[in-house]
Amino acid sequence: MSFDRLIEKIIEMKNPTVVGLDPKLEYVPEFIRRRYLEQDGLTLKAAAKAIYDFNQAIIDEIHDIVPAIKPQAAYYEMYGHYGIRTLEKTIRYAKLNGMFVITDGKRNDIGATMEAYTNAHLGTTAVGENVSEAFGADALTVNGYLGTDGIAPLLKVCKEKDKGIYVLVKTSNPSSGELQDLKLEDGTPIYAKMGDLCEMWGADTIGKYGYSAVGAVVGATYPEMLTELRERLPHTMFLVPGYGAQGGGAEGLKGGFDENGLGAIVNSSRAVMCAYQKEGCDERDFAKAARREVIRMRDDITQYINLK
């Protein structure tokens, strides 16, 4: 299954982290922005080209340390078809450099529409006799609140194409509890019920490390629930946002990992992309600053887990 490949990269690099490449144009150093804005004017095309240059440089510096990237689709879609092209190129460039790619799209629908989302991000699209990958990510974040009808099309492609999904279970944002913490008649919180569904959906895709192709998004900002869900969902790989900028600390993450230091991958986005701004170093050193930050993050997190 797909998450076996990710887990093997985590073990090889001794690093259970993923970098969120969610670049706003203002995150891109001025010298890169100026190059493309002078060339193409104040256009979406110029912005998208600058972002791809930025992404490439960061991938070049971190691919030997970090097993995965997680581009958030919205940060590319805002630049129209130029941004979509940058998302596609970023995914392909990361994979060429041996990285696992999780597209953060939080997609959900039913029937033929969900099949289209699935084919776009994880599967293939046929044009006559020619079959191609549109984006070619290894995994996709999805919203499970339409139930099995919205997940089943994904499961078929996960099995056929060795892909994975991460279902929103307990998200890291402050208002997540308005719905996710509500309790059902039997006292089970909604987030826990969604986690139980992840276990059910992934039951026949469990790989050699004990984790299925159906993962869960569980925020670092709720360490008690992270620990609770790890115990409740033994076959569900966690994608853990909220570390660093959103307030989730490294020590609180340890409950999301199993006894082998596996079962979770922790995301950091802005802290990596904007490391050069925090350091106050020369902006031309932005990629090296990103490298220093991912090393710091790795060491911060792995001091609390028993990664074998």
Foldseek 3Di string as FASTA:
>chain_A
DQVVLVQVLCLVLVFQAEAELLDDLVLQDPVLLVVQCVVPNPALLSSLVSSLVLLLLLLVQPLSRDQAYEYELVSQCVSPPSSLVSQLVSLVSNVVSVHAYEYEDQDWDADPVLLVVLQQDDNWDDDDPDIGHNRHHQEYEHECVVDPRGCVSNLVSCVVRVHAYAYEQQALDPCSCVQQQDADPVRHGNSLVVLVSLCVSFVVAQDPVQAGRYAYEHELNDLVVLLVSCVSRVHHAYEYECDDPNDRFQLSNQSNADQQRGRYHYYDYCCLSNQCVVVVHDSVCSSVSSSVVSVVVRVRNSVNHNHD
